[in-house]
Amino acid sequence: QVQLVESGGGLVQPGGSLRLSCAASGNIFSINDMAWYRQAPGQARELVATITRGGSTNYADSVKGRFTISRDGAKNTVYLQMNSLKPEDTAVYYCNAVIRTYNPPYVPYTYWGQGTQVTVSS
């Protein structure tokens, strides 16, 4: 079984920073793409940033230049550094990873974390 556990959310003032972490654990053989999504109240879940196993990154236009996604392969962890936060960044943030385990049927599967709340408000 695989688990993704996020941490680092909280309340921050506009212009502030937060760093989210998401650690994968379990019977993991390999991790391919990892990503962060977010969902604001009453809105659909949207992609924030992605990072490939090789380190290539991609960002939503709304966060380019403010957010940075990174990963630590040795720790099976993905991070999201969020700077210059705005009230419109308020949402539940979810991590996502494509993981192959040692268990049959030995094919990659997409796992999700439980989410962490980020609130940007004065």
Protein backbone atom coordinates (compact mmCIF):
# COMPACT_ATOMS: atom_id res chain seq x y z
CA GLN A 1 0.00 0.00 0.00
CA VAL A 2 1.15 3.54 -0.80
CA GLN A 3 0.44 6.72 1.14
CA LEU A 4 1.05 10.37 0.27
CA VAL A 5 1.12 12.67 3.28
CA GLU A 6 1.14 16.45 2.84
CA SER A 7 2.28 19.00 5.40
CA GLY A 8 3.12 22.68 5.63
CA GLY A 9 -0.22 24.34 5.04
CA GLY A 10 -1.60 27.11 7.21
CA LEU A 11 -2.66 30.72 7.45
CA VAL A 12 -0.40 33.37 5.94
CA GLN A 13 -0.75 37.06 5.14
CA PRO A 14 -0.76 38.32 1.54
CA GLY A 15 2.81 38.57 0.28
CA GLY A 16 3.98 35.82 2.61
CA SER A 17 5.48 32.42 1.91
CA LEU A 18 4.76 28.78 2.70
CA ARG A 19 6.51 25.54 1.83
CA LEU A 20 4.41 22.44 1.31
CA SER A 21 5.84 18.94 1.53
CA CYS A 22 4.43 15.62 0.38
CA ALA A 23 6.11 12.38 1.36
CA ALA A 24 5.32 9.08 -0.33
CA SER A 25 5.70 5.86 1.63
CA GLY A 26 4.94 2.19 1.17
CA ASN A 27 6.04 -0.61 -1.10
CA ILE A 28 7.43 1.75 -3.76
CA PHE A 29 9.48 0.56 -6.72
CA SER A 30 9.65 3.85 -8.58
CA ILE A 31 8.02 7.28 -8.76
CA ASN A 32 7.48 8.98 -12.11
CA ASP A 33 5.76 12.37 -12.40
CA MET A 34 4.77 14.24 -9.25
CA ALA A 35 2.45 17.22 -9.06
CA TRP A 36 0.55 19.67 -6.93
CA TYR A 37 -3.12 20.50 -7.50
CA ARG A 38 -5.42 22.84 -5.61
CA GLN A 39 -9.14 23.22 -5.12
CA ALA A 40 -10.83 26.37 -3.89
CA PRO A 41 -14.37 26.28 -2.45
CA GLY A 42 -16.95 25.85 -5.19
CA GLN A 43 -14.32 25.43 -7.88
CA ALA A 44 -12.86 22.52 -9.80
CA ARG A 45 -9.51 21.05 -8.85
CA GLU A 46 -6.76 22.67 -10.92
CA LEU A 47 -3.19 21.76 -11.73
CA VAL A 48 -0.61 24.00 -10.05
CA ALA A 49 2.74 22.47 -10.98
CA THR A 50 4.33 19.26 -12.18
CA ILE A 51 7.81 17.77 -12.04
CA THR A 52 9.09 14.78 -13.96
CA ARG A 53 11.44 12.12 -12.65
CA GLY A 54 14.21 13.92 -14.52
CA GLY A 55 13.40 17.26 -12.91
CA SER A 56 11.57 19.04 -15.72
CA THR A 57 8.91 21.38 -14.37
CA ASN A 58 5.73 23.00 -15.59
CA TYR A 59 3.52 25.61 -13.91
CA ALA A 60 0.06 27.08 -14.20
CA ASP A 61 0.21 30.62 -15.54
CA SER A 62 -1.32 31.93 -12.32
CA VAL A 63 1.67 30.80 -10.22
CA LYS A 64 4.61 31.21 -12.61
CA GLY A 65 7.40 33.21 -11.04
CA ARG A 66 5.95 32.79 -7.54
CA PHE A 67 5.84 29.02 -6.90
CA THR A 68 8.64 26.48 -7.27
CA ILE A 69 8.17 22.72 -7.36
CA SER A 70 11.06 20.40 -6.47
CA ARG A 71 11.61 16.82 -5.41
CA ASP A 72 14.01 14.71 -3.37
CA GLY A 73 14.27 11.26 -4.89
CA ALA A 74 16.03 9.77 -1.89
CA LYS A 75 13.17 10.84 0.37
CA ASN A 76 10.34 10.19 -2.11
CA THR A 77 9.19 13.73 -1.37
CA VAL A 78 7.89 16.59 -3.49
CA TYR A 79 7.88 20.20 -2.34
CA LEU A 80 6.05 23.37 -3.32
CA GLN A 81 7.68 26.64 -2.32
CA MET A 82 5.04 29.35 -2.50
CA ASN A 83 6.14 32.99 -2.41
CA SER A 84 4.28 36.29 -2.85
CA LEU A 85 1.06 34.58 -1.86
CA LYS A 86 -2.26 36.16 -2.83
CA PRO A 87 -5.75 35.70 -1.41
CA GLU A 88 -6.71 33.89 -4.61
CA ASP A 89 -4.15 31.19 -3.76
CA THR A 90 -6.42 30.11 -0.89
CA ALA A 91 -7.36 26.48 -1.46
CA VAL A 92 -6.83 22.92 -0.36
CA TYR A 93 -3.58 21.75 -1.94
CA TYR A 94 -3.20 18.10 -2.97
CA CYS A 95 -0.12 16.24 -4.07
CA ASN A 96 -0.24 13.58 -6.74
CA ALA A 97 2.30 10.99 -7.84
CA VAL A 98 2.52 8.25 -10.45
CA ILE A 99 3.99 5.30 -8.60
CA ARG A 100 4.92 1.75 -9.49
CA THR A 101 4.98 -0.64 -6.56
CA TYR A 102 6.50 -4.07 -6.04
CA ASN A 103 2.99 -5.53 -6.00
CA PRO A 104 1.19 -6.99 -9.02
CA PRO A 105 0.09 -5.94 -11.58
CA TYR A 106 3.35 -3.92 -11.58
CA VAL A 107 1.95 -0.99 -13.55
CA PRO A 108 2.10 2.71 -12.63
CA TYR A 109 -0.85 4.06 -10.71
CA THR A 110 -1.78 7.60 -9.69
CA TYR A 111 -1.99 8.23 -5.97
CA TRP A 112 -3.34 11.30 -4.15
CA GLY A 113 -2.65 12.85 -0.78
CA GLN A 114 -5.36 13.89 1.64
CA GLY A 115 -4.86 17.62 1.10
CA THR A 116 -3.57 20.51 3.18
CA GLN A 117 -5.35 23.83 3.63
CA VAL A 118 -3.63 27.06 2.59
CA THR A 119 -5.36 30.29 3.57
CA VAL A 120 -4.02 33.67 2.48
CA SER A 121 -5.69 36.46 4.41
CA SER A 122 -4.89 39.57 6.40
